[in-house]
Each structure stands twice: as structure tokens, then as C-alpha cells.
Amino acid sequence: MEWFLKVVKNYAGFEGRARRKEYWMFILFYFIFDVILAIIENVLGLNNILTGLYGLALLLPTLAVTARRLHDTGRSGWMQLIGLIPLVGWIIVLVFLCQDSQGDNRFGENPKY
């Protein structure tokens, strides 16, 4: 939970680097909360109002942490745009996000140390 809050507090921080753990823990809690909201919507008979607002509220933090994660692998945050290519783009970005940190690079020191 602390990783989720760390990312939300740094919601517009596109500078620097994010470790794999920070990124994937944020994504894990993002989806857990999304599923909980979807269940609540179903029970209350709402049509994607809560999940839509939730996704919109966390759009900027998600883009920022993804950019920082790509920085950690030595890539520009703009590489997220590759994900717009159907199927192949998503796979390429997923591979980038799963790679290990580089040592010190142009985006800063290695956050592992």
C-alpha cells in the first residue's frame, strides 16, 4: 500500500526513476481497487461511474510512474506511445517494463542503491 501512496503523492513527477517493485506494486493495488469499485458498481446498479472516475483520477500518476519505470531501463518516457500499436505495442512496452534496472544512466542514479 505504501508504494501505491508513494506514486499518488508524486502524481506529476515524470523526472527520475522508478524500480520494478514500485511500478508493479502500484499496478497491483490499482487493479485491486478497480475490482472493488466494479463490484460496488454492480451492487448499486451504477454504469461504470466509479471506475471511470477512478481511472481518470489516476491517469496522470499512472503515466508518470510508467515514464519513471522506462527511465529506469534507460528509455525515454515517450516510449509509452509504442503501446498504442495494437497488440505488438503492448507486448513491447510490457517487456520494457519487466526489464531490470540499468546502472546509473542519464535519468539519475540507480534507485536500488
Protein backbone atom coordinates (compact mmCIF):
# COMPACT_ATOMS: atom_id res chain seq x y z
CA MET A 1 0.00 0.00 0.00
CA GLU A 2 2.90 2.34 0.73
CA TRP A 3 4.07 2.00 -2.89
CA PHE A 4 0.63 2.99 -4.16
CA LEU A 5 0.56 6.07 -1.93
CA LYS A 6 4.13 6.98 -2.89
CA VAL A 7 3.16 7.06 -6.57
CA VAL A 8 -0.05 9.02 -5.92
CA LYS A 9 1.85 11.61 -3.85
CA ASN A 10 4.33 12.02 -6.72
CA TYR A 11 1.46 12.16 -9.22
CA ALA A 12 3.07 14.55 -11.69
CA GLY A 13 6.70 13.53 -11.22
CA PHE A 14 7.91 12.46 -14.63
CA GLU A 15 11.56 13.03 -13.65
CA GLY A 16 13.74 10.37 -12.11
CA ARG A 17 13.43 6.62 -11.97
CA ALA A 18 11.08 4.01 -10.50
CA ARG A 19 12.09 0.49 -9.53
CA ARG A 20 10.19 -2.55 -10.77
CA LYS A 21 8.81 -3.09 -7.28
CA GLU A 22 7.39 0.45 -7.10
CA TYR A 23 5.77 0.14 -10.52
CA TRP A 24 4.28 -3.33 -10.15
CA MET A 25 3.04 -2.75 -6.58
CA PHE A 26 1.27 0.39 -7.81
CA ILE A 27 -0.31 -1.58 -10.67
CA LEU A 28 -1.36 -4.38 -8.29
CA PHE A 29 -3.15 -2.03 -5.90
CA TYR A 30 -4.60 -0.06 -8.82
CA PHE A 31 -6.32 -3.21 -10.10
CA ILE A 32 -7.39 -4.38 -6.65
CA PHE A 33 -9.14 -1.06 -6.02
CA ASP A 34 -10.58 -1.11 -9.53
CA VAL A 35 -12.11 -4.56 -8.98
CA ILE A 36 -13.56 -3.46 -5.62
CA LEU A 37 -15.13 -0.40 -7.27
CA ALA A 38 -16.52 -2.55 -10.08
CA ILE A 39 -18.18 -4.84 -7.53
CA ILE A 40 -19.66 -1.85 -5.71
CA GLU A 41 -20.95 -0.51 -9.04
CA ASN A 42 -22.60 -3.83 -9.80
CA VAL A 43 -24.28 -3.97 -6.41
CA LEU A 44 -25.53 -0.38 -6.67
CA GLY A 45 -26.51 -0.68 -10.34
CA LEU A 46 -24.22 2.14 -11.49
CA ASN A 47 -22.87 2.16 -15.04
CA ASN A 48 -19.08 2.49 -14.77
CA ILE A 49 -19.30 5.82 -12.94
CA LEU A 50 -16.95 4.94 -10.07
CA THR A 51 -14.40 3.03 -12.14
CA GLY A 52 -14.43 5.75 -14.79
CA LEU A 53 -13.75 8.49 -12.24
CA TYR A 54 -11.12 6.32 -10.56
CA GLY A 55 -9.33 5.70 -13.86
CA LEU A 56 -9.47 9.36 -14.77
CA ALA A 57 -8.15 10.40 -11.35
CA LEU A 58 -5.18 8.02 -11.61
CA LEU A 59 -4.38 8.60 -15.28
CA LEU A 60 -1.61 11.14 -14.62
CA PRO A 61 0.05 9.15 -11.79
CA THR A 62 -0.04 6.02 -13.97
CA LEU A 63 1.60 7.82 -16.90
CA ALA A 64 4.20 9.33 -14.56
CA VAL A 65 5.19 6.08 -12.85
CA THR A 66 5.36 4.32 -16.23
CA ALA A 67 7.65 7.06 -17.57
CA ARG A 68 9.86 6.76 -14.48
CA ARG A 69 9.94 2.96 -14.88
CA LEU A 70 11.03 3.33 -18.51
CA HIS A 71 13.70 5.82 -17.37
CA ASP A 72 14.97 3.11 -15.02
CA THR A 73 15.55 0.84 -18.01
CA GLY A 74 17.33 3.62 -19.91
CA ARG A 75 14.44 4.57 -22.19
CA SER A 76 12.50 7.77 -22.68
CA GLY A 77 9.06 8.05 -21.10
CA TRP A 78 7.73 8.73 -24.59
CA MET A 79 8.25 5.04 -25.34
CA GLN A 80 4.83 4.54 -23.73
CA LEU A 81 3.36 5.65 -27.04
CA ILE A 82 4.52 2.37 -28.59
CA GLY A 83 1.66 0.83 -26.58
CA LEU A 84 -0.78 2.50 -28.97
CA ILE A 85 0.19 -0.03 -31.63
CA PRO A 86 -2.39 -2.81 -31.33
CA LEU A 87 -1.16 -5.97 -29.55
CA VAL A 88 2.50 -5.75 -30.61
CA GLY A 89 2.96 -2.35 -28.96
CA TRP A 90 1.54 -3.58 -25.65
CA ILE A 91 3.87 -6.57 -25.69
CA ILE A 92 6.93 -4.41 -26.41
CA VAL A 93 6.11 -1.96 -23.61
CA LEU A 94 5.44 -4.86 -21.22
CA VAL A 95 8.86 -6.31 -22.00
CA PHE A 96 10.46 -2.89 -21.34
CA LEU A 97 8.62 -2.57 -18.02
CA CYS A 98 9.72 -6.04 -16.88
CA GLN A 99 13.42 -5.50 -17.54
CA ASP A 100 15.89 -4.95 -14.71
CA SER A 101 17.25 -1.54 -13.80
CA GLN A 102 20.27 -0.16 -15.57
CA GLY A 103 23.12 1.19 -13.53
CA ASP A 104 23.38 4.96 -13.29
CA ASN A 105 22.10 6.49 -16.51
CA ARG A 106 21.10 9.88 -17.93
CA PHE A 107 17.91 9.86 -15.81
CA GLY A 108 19.73 9.61 -12.50
CA GLU A 109 21.27 7.20 -10.05
CA ASN A 110 20.08 3.62 -9.76
CA PRO A 111 17.18 3.64 -7.23
CA LYS A 112 18.11 0.16 -5.99
CA TYR A 113 21.04 1.56 -4.05
